[in-house]
């Protein structure tokens, strides 16, 4: 209960889509990781379209 007393209305929660497992101080935790750049997906789509249109 002492930890719950510290919670205030100014706290906010974050949700991470991209996480990795890690062990910190002997405890298993999830750590956020950066998502792949948005342009990589666009580049892949463009490459696939160009391959389809080749004679």
Protein backbone atom coordinates (compact mmCIF):
# COMPACT_ATOMS: atom_id res chain seq x y z
CA UNK A 1 0.00 0.00 0.00
CA UNK A 2 2.79 2.55 0.60
CA UNK A 3 3.62 2.52 -3.11
CA UNK A 4 0.01 3.24 -4.05
CA UNK A 5 -0.02 6.34 -1.85
CA UNK A 6 2.57 7.95 -4.18
CA UNK A 7 0.28 7.77 -7.22
CA UNK A 8 -1.14 11.15 -8.17
CA UNK A 9 -3.51 12.50 -10.80
CA UNK A 10 -0.57 13.80 -12.83
CA UNK A 11 0.70 10.28 -13.60
CA UNK A 12 0.15 8.89 -17.07
CA UNK A 13 0.49 5.44 -18.55
CA UNK A 14 2.21 4.53 -21.81
CA UNK A 15 1.45 1.52 -23.97
CA UNK A 16 4.27 0.17 -26.11
CA UNK A 17 3.62 -1.98 -29.17
CA UNK A 18 7.25 -2.96 -29.63
CA UNK A 19 8.86 -4.58 -26.59
CA UNK A 20 11.75 -6.96 -25.89
CA UNK A 21 12.22 -9.35 -22.99
CA UNK A 22 15.10 -8.56 -20.65
CA UNK A 23 16.42 -9.57 -17.26
CA UNK A 24 17.31 -6.67 -14.97
CA UNK A 25 18.49 -7.33 -11.42
CA UNK A 26 17.31 -10.93 -11.76
CA UNK A 27 13.76 -9.90 -12.73
CA UNK A 28 12.14 -10.50 -16.11
CA UNK A 29 10.87 -7.24 -17.56
CA UNK A 30 9.66 -5.83 -20.86
CA UNK A 31 11.65 -2.95 -22.26
CA UNK A 32 10.38 -0.73 -25.09
CA UNK A 33 12.19 -0.86 -28.41
CA UNK A 34 12.01 1.46 -31.36
CA UNK A 35 9.70 0.40 -34.18
CA UNK A 36 11.09 -0.04 -37.66
CA UNK A 37 11.13 3.18 -39.67
CA UNK A 38 7.90 3.90 -41.57
CA UNK A 39 9.83 4.45 -44.81
CA UNK A 40 11.13 0.87 -44.81
CA UNK A 41 7.60 -0.48 -45.33
CA UNK A 42 6.95 2.06 -48.08
CA UNK A 43 10.19 1.11 -49.82
CA UNK A 44 9.28 -2.58 -49.70
CA UNK A 45 5.84 -1.88 -51.22
CA UNK A 46 7.36 0.19 -54.01
CA UNK A 47 9.93 -2.51 -54.75
CA UNK A 48 7.19 -5.18 -54.93
CA UNK A 49 5.11 -3.00 -57.28
CA UNK A 50 8.08 -2.45 -59.57
CA UNK A 51 8.79 -6.18 -59.69
CA UNK A 52 5.17 -6.93 -60.63
CA UNK A 53 5.21 -4.43 -63.52
CA UNK A 54 8.44 -5.71 -65.11
CA UNK A 55 7.94 -7.48 -68.46
